[in-house]
Amino acid sequence: MPNTSQGSEGSEGSFELPTVQYQRPLNDKVVIVQVLIGIFLYINFLMIVTFFKKEAFFTNTRYIFFAHTLVCDSMFLVLTDVLLLMSYSRVTMPGGLCIFLIVIIENLNFATPLTLTAMSLERYVAICMPLRHSELSTPVRAMHCILLIQALSSIEWIIVISILFSAVPLRFYTSPLVCSFEQIIVFSWQGHVSSALCQFYFLVMSVVIAFTYVKIMVAARHASSDSNKSTNKGLRTVILHSLQLLLCLIQFWCPMIELAIMKINFNVFIHLRYIDYIIFILAPRCLSPLVYGLRDKDFLVVMKYYALFGYSKKVFIFNMDKPNRKKKKKNPMHTCKVNAGNV
């Protein structure tokens, strides 16, 4: 998020209230961000309403993960936009409130890529282990997985905030400041710990994503002789999903790079943070509706119906829960041959 605040460090555990260095961003940049966020929030809100309006979506793990991603992205965009506007208007807030907002934002920031990683694992099970998919991919397991995602998302901010609580005086929680993540970094090694955790998450999720999507792409290529159209659609989905996850994972490198640039040139730091916000925060959250909503025929038909207030003439019929009349040939659990349209 574009912030312009900088905290001070104590080399021996001492703490001084942060001094605010502020440079007002250009008006056109703020307007562009507001327009983009407004568009994304409208689309996300429409898709969230679509999910809760149709009971058939509640029984599908993929749609449950998708709805969780939409909720996390929408809350993240709202909170970061509030901090952006407050920074632009030079509005301060108590340190305690700033800590509370940063905690929520950091949790949501990790929740999105972790959910996307879980979605890639779900697709891997559906395509490469079709006989066990109905057993492993259930709504109850999906909710348990979401709770696990929230727990994993909390590790980084719990460590950072625990260090902050042990170092700052009580007056910090009531002192006014321009809120940003840098305000809760009181030691240089505290920032290094946060960066190390982000890189660890980056490594683990990258390995999981690479493994699952190599398997899915191999399965899609094997199915190319059956249906070129379905194969091409599956490969396009893989490419879009991989790009989205790549952008989400790269944002874990941004804080470390931004802190290094901030020590060298504060003006360059401001412009870099604005660019990072557009490319690595807004862009992947723009791809979520494209990959999982607008390209899904069942979801798109229902969304059009509610977007047009019931005036859509196309009748939507769900076949996702209906058994296939044609008896399918059973594949061994370890094989990865399936129609690529399921990707």
Protein backbone atom coordinates (compact mmCIF):
# COMPACT_ATOMS: atom_id res chain seq x y z
CA MET A 1 0.00 0.00 0.00
CA PRO A 2 1.36 3.45 -0.77
CA ASN A 3 2.54 4.82 2.57
CA THR A 4 5.01 7.53 3.37
CA SER A 5 5.82 6.93 7.01
CA GLN A 6 9.06 5.81 8.50
CA GLY A 7 9.71 4.47 11.95
CA SER A 8 12.82 4.92 14.06
CA GLU A 9 14.89 2.08 15.42
CA GLY A 10 16.46 1.48 18.79
CA SER A 11 19.77 -0.32 18.76
CA GLU A 12 19.64 -1.41 22.41
CA GLY A 13 15.94 -1.89 23.00
CA SER A 14 15.12 1.80 23.47
CA PHE A 15 12.28 3.30 21.52
CA GLU A 16 11.45 6.78 20.37
CA LEU A 17 8.15 7.81 18.87
CA PRO A 18 8.42 7.66 15.09
CA THR A 19 8.99 10.83 13.17
CA VAL A 20 6.76 11.15 10.15
CA GLN A 21 8.31 11.95 6.81
CA TYR A 22 5.60 12.79 4.36
CA GLN A 23 5.41 13.68 0.72
CA ARG A 24 1.99 14.15 -0.80
CA PRO A 25 1.43 11.86 -3.79
CA LEU A 26 0.15 13.24 -7.08
CA ASN A 27 -3.58 13.68 -7.44
CA ASP A 28 -3.84 11.63 -10.63
CA LYS A 29 -2.23 8.63 -8.94
CA VAL A 30 -4.76 8.69 -6.12
CA VAL A 31 -7.65 9.01 -8.58
CA ILE A 32 -6.39 6.07 -10.66
CA VAL A 33 -6.20 3.89 -7.55
CA GLN A 34 -9.71 4.90 -6.47
CA VAL A 35 -11.16 4.03 -9.89
CA LEU A 36 -9.44 0.65 -10.02
CA ILE A 37 -10.44 -0.25 -6.47
CA GLY A 38 -14.03 0.84 -7.13
CA ILE A 39 -14.25 -1.43 -10.19
CA PHE A 40 -12.70 -4.41 -8.43
CA LEU A 41 -14.89 -4.02 -5.35
CA TYR A 42 -18.05 -3.86 -7.46
CA ILE A 43 -17.13 -7.05 -9.35
CA ASN A 44 -16.11 -8.84 -6.16
CA PHE A 45 -19.31 -7.80 -4.38
CA LEU A 46 -21.41 -9.04 -7.29
CA MET A 47 -19.62 -12.40 -7.24
CA ILE A 48 -19.95 -12.75 -3.46
CA VAL A 49 -23.71 -12.15 -3.75
CA THR A 50 -23.85 -14.71 -6.58
CA PHE A 51 -22.11 -17.31 -4.43
CA PHE A 52 -24.49 -16.90 -1.49
CA LYS A 53 -27.58 -16.81 -3.71
CA LYS A 54 -27.10 -20.32 -5.10
CA GLU A 55 -27.00 -23.31 -2.79
CA ALA A 56 -25.27 -25.47 -5.41
CA PHE A 57 -22.08 -23.47 -4.91
CA PHE A 58 -21.97 -24.34 -1.18
CA THR A 59 -21.28 -28.01 -1.93
CA ASN A 60 -18.36 -27.37 -4.28
CA THR A 61 -14.94 -26.94 -2.65
CA ARG A 62 -13.58 -24.89 -5.52
CA TYR A 63 -16.35 -22.28 -5.17
CA ILE A 64 -15.92 -22.17 -1.38
CA PHE A 65 -12.23 -21.33 -1.79
CA PHE A 66 -13.11 -18.81 -4.48
CA ALA A 67 -15.61 -17.06 -2.18
CA HIS A 68 -13.03 -16.95 0.60
CA THR A 69 -10.56 -15.32 -1.78
CA LEU A 70 -13.15 -12.72 -2.84
CA VAL A 71 -13.96 -11.80 0.78
CA CYS A 72 -10.27 -11.52 1.75
CA ASP A 73 -9.43 -9.45 -1.34
CA SER A 74 -12.37 -7.09 -0.83
CA MET A 75 -11.52 -6.45 2.83
CA PHE A 76 -7.85 -5.99 1.95
CA LEU A 77 -8.62 -3.44 -0.78
CA VAL A 78 -10.96 -1.46 1.48
CA LEU A 79 -8.50 -1.25 4.39
CA THR A 80 -5.45 -0.42 2.26
CA ASP A 81 -7.47 2.23 0.43
CA VAL A 82 -8.49 3.79 3.75
CA LEU A 83 -4.84 4.00 4.81
CA LEU A 84 -3.92 5.47 1.43
CA LEU A 85 -6.53 8.22 1.71
CA MET A 86 -5.57 8.97 5.31
CA SER A 87 -1.91 9.22 4.30
CA TYR A 88 -2.78 11.50 1.39
CA SER A 89 -4.92 13.73 3.64
CA ARG A 90 -2.34 13.72 6.45
CA VAL A 91 -4.82 12.21 8.87
CA THR A 92 -3.24 10.56 11.90
CA MET A 93 -4.60 7.86 14.19
CA PRO A 94 -3.64 6.44 17.61
CA GLY A 95 -0.86 3.87 17.55
CA GLY A 96 -3.12 1.18 19.00
CA LEU A 97 -5.65 1.56 16.18
CA CYS A 98 -2.82 1.49 13.63
CA ILE A 99 -1.56 -1.81 15.06
CA PHE A 100 -5.05 -3.29 14.84
CA LEU A 101 -5.42 -2.30 11.16
CA ILE A 102 -1.94 -3.54 10.24
CA VAL A 103 -2.68 -6.90 11.89
CA ILE A 104 -5.84 -7.37 9.80
CA ILE A 105 -4.13 -6.24 6.59
CA GLU A 106 -1.14 -8.55 7.10
CA ASN A 107 -3.45 -11.49 7.79
CA LEU A 108 -5.47 -10.84 4.62
CA ASN A 109 -2.27 -10.30 2.65
CA PHE A 110 -1.10 -13.85 3.39
CA ALA A 111 -4.56 -15.42 3.17
CA THR A 112 -5.01 -14.84 -0.57
CA PRO A 113 -1.89 -16.66 -1.87
CA LEU A 114 -2.39 -19.44 0.68
CA THR A 115 -5.97 -19.91 -0.55
CA LEU A 116 -4.80 -19.97 -4.16
CA THR A 117 -2.27 -22.63 -3.21
CA ALA A 118 -5.06 -24.67 -1.62
CA MET A 119 -7.11 -24.26 -4.81
CA SER A 120 -4.21 -25.58 -6.88
CA LEU A 121 -3.99 -28.63 -4.60
CA GLU A 122 -7.74 -29.16 -4.96
CA ARG A 123 -7.43 -29.08 -8.77
CA TYR A 124 -4.51 -31.51 -8.56
CA VAL A 125 -6.60 -33.97 -6.56
CA ALA A 126 -9.56 -33.56 -8.93
CA ILE A 127 -7.49 -34.23 -12.03
CA CYS A 128 -4.75 -36.62 -10.93
CA MET A 129 -6.67 -38.50 -8.20
CA PRO A 130 -10.27 -38.48 -9.52
CA LEU A 131 -11.34 -41.58 -7.57
CA ARG A 132 -10.50 -39.93 -4.24
CA HIS A 133 -11.66 -36.42 -5.10
CA SER A 134 -15.17 -36.83 -3.67
CA GLU A 135 -13.68 -38.22 -0.46
CA LEU A 136 -10.98 -35.60 0.04
CA SER A 137 -12.72 -32.53 -1.37
CA THR A 138 -15.76 -31.87 0.81
CA PRO A 139 -17.30 -28.64 2.18
CA VAL A 140 -16.34 -29.62 5.74
CA ARG A 141 -12.72 -30.19 4.75
CA ALA A 142 -12.78 -26.91 2.85
CA MET A 143 -13.86 -25.01 5.98
CA HIS A 144 -11.15 -26.75 8.02
CA CYS A 145 -8.64 -25.77 5.37
CA ILE A 146 -9.78 -22.14 5.55
CA LEU A 147 -9.25 -22.15 9.32
CA LEU A 148 -5.77 -23.57 8.75
CA ILE A 149 -5.08 -20.84 6.18
CA GLN A 150 -6.08 -18.15 8.68
CA ALA A 151 -3.84 -19.72 11.32
CA LEU A 152 -0.85 -19.83 8.96
CA SER A 153 -1.55 -16.23 7.93
CA SER A 154 -1.30 -15.14 11.57
CA ILE A 155 2.21 -16.40 12.26
CA GLU A 156 4.07 -13.46 10.73
CA TRP A 157 2.13 -10.66 12.39
CA ILE A 158 2.05 -12.44 15.78
CA ILE A 159 5.86 -12.52 15.83
CA VAL A 160 6.22 -8.91 14.66
CA ILE A 161 3.60 -7.56 17.07
CA SER A 162 5.02 -9.54 20.01
CA ILE A 163 8.40 -7.87 19.46
CA LEU A 164 6.68 -4.48 19.21
CA PHE A 165 4.74 -4.97 22.45
CA SER A 166 7.93 -5.81 24.33
CA ALA A 167 9.76 -2.71 23.07
CA VAL A 168 7.41 0.29 22.91
CA PRO A 169 6.19 2.37 25.87
CA LEU A 170 2.52 2.73 26.71
CA ARG A 171 2.38 6.22 25.23
CA PHE A 172 2.93 4.73 21.77
CA TYR A 173 -0.62 3.31 21.74
CA THR A 174 -2.21 6.74 22.18
CA SER A 175 0.26 8.87 20.22
CA PRO A 176 -0.99 10.08 16.81
CA LEU A 177 0.87 8.83 13.74
CA VAL A 178 0.40 8.26 10.02
CA CYS A 179 -0.22 4.53 9.92
CA SER A 180 2.03 2.19 7.92
CA PHE A 181 3.80 -1.13 8.39
CA GLU A 182 7.10 0.70 8.99
CA GLN A 183 5.66 2.25 12.15
CA ILE A 184 5.62 -1.14 13.92
CA ILE A 185 9.21 -2.03 12.95
CA VAL A 186 11.31 -0.80 15.88
CA PHE A 187 14.43 -2.95 15.34
CA SER A 188 16.28 -3.71 12.14
CA TRP A 189 16.39 -7.42 13.02
CA GLN A 190 12.62 -7.33 13.51
CA GLY A 191 12.26 -6.42 9.85
CA HIS A 192 14.73 -9.18 8.93
CA VAL A 193 12.62 -11.76 10.79
CA SER A 194 9.51 -10.61 8.93
CA SER A 195 11.34 -10.80 5.60
CA ALA A 196 12.68 -14.28 6.39
CA LEU A 197 9.17 -15.56 7.13
CA CYS A 198 7.88 -14.05 3.88
CA GLN A 199 10.66 -15.75 1.90
CA PHE A 200 9.90 -19.07 3.58
CA TYR A 201 6.23 -18.77 2.58
CA PHE A 202 7.36 -17.80 -0.92
CA LEU A 203 9.54 -20.91 -1.22
CA VAL A 204 6.97 -23.39 0.10
CA MET A 205 4.09 -22.07 -2.00
CA SER A 206 6.26 -21.87 -5.11
CA VAL A 207 7.24 -25.53 -4.75
CA VAL A 208 3.63 -26.63 -4.20
CA ILE A 209 2.33 -24.61 -7.14
CA ALA A 210 5.09 -25.79 -9.47
CA PHE A 211 4.47 -29.43 -8.58
CA THR A 212 0.69 -29.32 -8.94
CA TYR A 213 0.60 -27.40 -12.19
CA VAL A 214 3.29 -29.47 -13.88
CA LYS A 215 1.11 -32.50 -13.15
CA ILE A 216 -2.01 -30.71 -14.41
CA MET A 217 -0.32 -29.57 -17.61
CA VAL A 218 0.92 -33.10 -18.27
CA ALA A 219 -2.62 -34.37 -17.81
CA ALA A 220 -3.95 -31.69 -20.15
CA ARG A 221 -1.44 -32.64 -22.85
CA HIS A 222 -2.41 -36.28 -22.56
CA ALA A 223 -6.02 -35.30 -23.16
CA SER A 224 -5.20 -33.24 -26.25
CA SER A 225 -6.07 -36.06 -28.62
CA ASP A 226 -9.58 -36.26 -27.16
CA SER A 227 -10.50 -32.60 -27.30
CA ASN A 228 -8.21 -29.81 -28.53
CA LYS A 229 -10.72 -27.18 -27.43
CA SER A 230 -10.88 -28.45 -23.86
CA THR A 231 -7.11 -28.81 -23.73
CA ASN A 232 -6.54 -25.24 -24.87
CA LYS A 233 -9.02 -23.97 -22.28
CA GLY A 234 -7.29 -25.93 -19.55
CA LEU A 235 -3.86 -24.65 -20.54
CA ARG A 236 -5.13 -21.05 -20.61
CA THR A 237 -6.50 -21.53 -17.10
CA VAL A 238 -3.13 -22.87 -15.95
CA ILE A 239 -1.31 -19.89 -17.46
CA LEU A 240 -3.67 -17.32 -15.90
CA HIS A 241 -3.61 -19.03 -12.52
CA SER A 242 0.18 -19.30 -12.56
CA LEU A 243 0.51 -15.61 -13.42
CA GLN A 244 -1.83 -14.61 -10.61
CA LEU A 245 0.01 -16.75 -8.07
CA LEU A 246 3.36 -15.44 -9.28
CA LEU A 247 2.25 -11.85 -8.70
CA CYS A 248 0.90 -12.73 -5.25
CA LEU A 249 4.16 -14.43 -4.29
CA ILE A 250 6.38 -11.64 -5.62
CA GLN A 251 4.68 -9.22 -3.22
CA PHE A 252 6.43 -11.07 -0.37
CA TRP A 253 9.71 -9.71 -1.73
CA CYS A 254 8.42 -6.14 -1.95
CA PRO A 255 8.75 -5.13 1.75
CA MET A 256 12.41 -6.19 1.86
CA ILE A 257 13.22 -4.28 -1.34
CA GLU A 258 11.21 -1.23 -0.26
CA LEU A 259 12.95 -1.01 3.12
CA ALA A 260 16.35 -1.13 1.41
CA ILE A 261 15.34 1.60 -1.06
CA MET A 262 13.86 3.74 1.74
CA LYS A 263 17.26 3.93 3.45
CA ILE A 264 18.86 5.13 0.20
CA ASN A 265 16.30 7.52 -1.29
CA PHE A 266 12.93 8.24 0.31
CA ASN A 267 11.41 9.78 -2.85
CA VAL A 268 12.28 6.69 -4.89
CA PHE A 269 10.75 4.58 -2.09
CA ILE A 270 7.41 6.43 -2.44
CA HIS A 271 7.23 5.85 -6.21
CA LEU A 272 8.35 2.23 -5.86
CA ARG A 273 5.67 1.49 -3.29
CA TYR A 274 2.99 2.97 -5.55
CA ILE A 275 4.14 0.79 -8.47
CA ASP A 276 4.28 -2.32 -6.25
CA TYR A 277 0.75 -1.61 -5.05
CA ILE A 278 -0.60 -1.47 -8.61
CA ILE A 279 1.29 -4.47 -10.03
CA PHE A 280 1.57 -6.90 -7.14
CA ILE A 281 -1.53 -6.09 -5.05
CA LEU A 282 -4.25 -4.76 -7.35
CA ALA A 283 -3.34 -6.82 -10.43
CA PRO A 284 -3.57 -10.32 -8.89
CA ARG A 285 -6.82 -9.39 -7.16
CA CYS A 286 -8.13 -8.33 -10.55
CA LEU A 287 -7.25 -11.74 -12.01
CA SER A 288 -9.24 -13.67 -9.37
CA PRO A 289 -12.65 -12.79 -10.85
CA LEU A 290 -11.31 -13.42 -14.36
CA VAL A 291 -9.83 -16.86 -13.67
CA TYR A 292 -12.53 -18.29 -11.40
CA GLY A 293 -15.65 -16.24 -12.05
CA LEU A 294 -16.02 -14.78 -15.52
CA ARG A 295 -14.52 -17.87 -17.21
CA ASP A 296 -16.76 -20.28 -15.31
CA LYS A 297 -19.94 -20.81 -17.35
CA ASP A 298 -22.18 -21.88 -14.45
CA PHE A 299 -21.03 -19.02 -12.23
CA LEU A 300 -21.18 -16.47 -15.04
CA VAL A 301 -24.77 -17.34 -15.98
CA VAL A 302 -25.97 -16.94 -12.39
CA MET A 303 -24.02 -13.70 -11.96
CA LYS A 304 -25.59 -12.25 -15.11
CA TYR A 305 -29.03 -13.20 -13.81
CA TYR A 306 -28.58 -11.29 -10.55
CA ALA A 307 -26.61 -8.45 -12.15
CA LEU A 308 -29.59 -7.82 -14.46
CA PHE A 309 -32.03 -8.12 -11.51
CA GLY A 310 -33.59 -11.30 -12.86
CA TYR A 311 -34.15 -10.01 -16.38
CA SER A 312 -31.65 -12.42 -17.94
CA LYS A 313 -33.59 -14.61 -20.37
CA LYS A 314 -31.10 -17.46 -20.25
CA VAL A 315 -32.18 -20.25 -17.94
CA PHE A 316 -29.41 -21.58 -15.75
CA ILE A 317 -29.38 -25.29 -15.02
CA PHE A 318 -26.78 -26.81 -12.76
CA ASN A 319 -25.37 -30.17 -13.72
CA MET A 320 -22.43 -30.07 -11.34
CA ASP A 321 -24.17 -32.30 -8.80
CA LYS A 322 -25.87 -34.60 -11.29
CA PRO A 323 -24.23 -37.95 -11.98
CA ASN A 324 -23.01 -38.52 -15.49
CA ARG A 325 -25.35 -40.86 -17.36
CA LYS A 326 -22.52 -42.35 -19.34
CA LYS A 327 -20.54 -44.82 -17.37
CA LYS A 328 -16.98 -43.66 -17.23
CA LYS A 329 -14.03 -45.96 -17.38
CA LYS A 330 -12.27 -46.03 -14.04
CA ASN A 331 -8.68 -44.87 -14.00
CA PRO A 332 -6.08 -45.93 -11.44
CA MET A 333 -5.58 -43.43 -8.64
CA HIS A 334 -2.03 -42.70 -9.66
CA THR A 335 -2.79 -41.83 -13.27
CA CYS A 336 -3.26 -38.29 -14.50
CA LYS A 337 -5.42 -38.70 -17.59
CA VAL A 338 -8.55 -36.60 -17.59
CA ASN A 339 -10.42 -34.13 -19.74
CA ALA A 340 -8.51 -30.87 -19.61
CA GLY A 341 -11.75 -28.91 -19.44
CA ASN A 342 -11.91 -29.72 -15.74
CA VAL A 343 -8.77 -27.72 -15.06
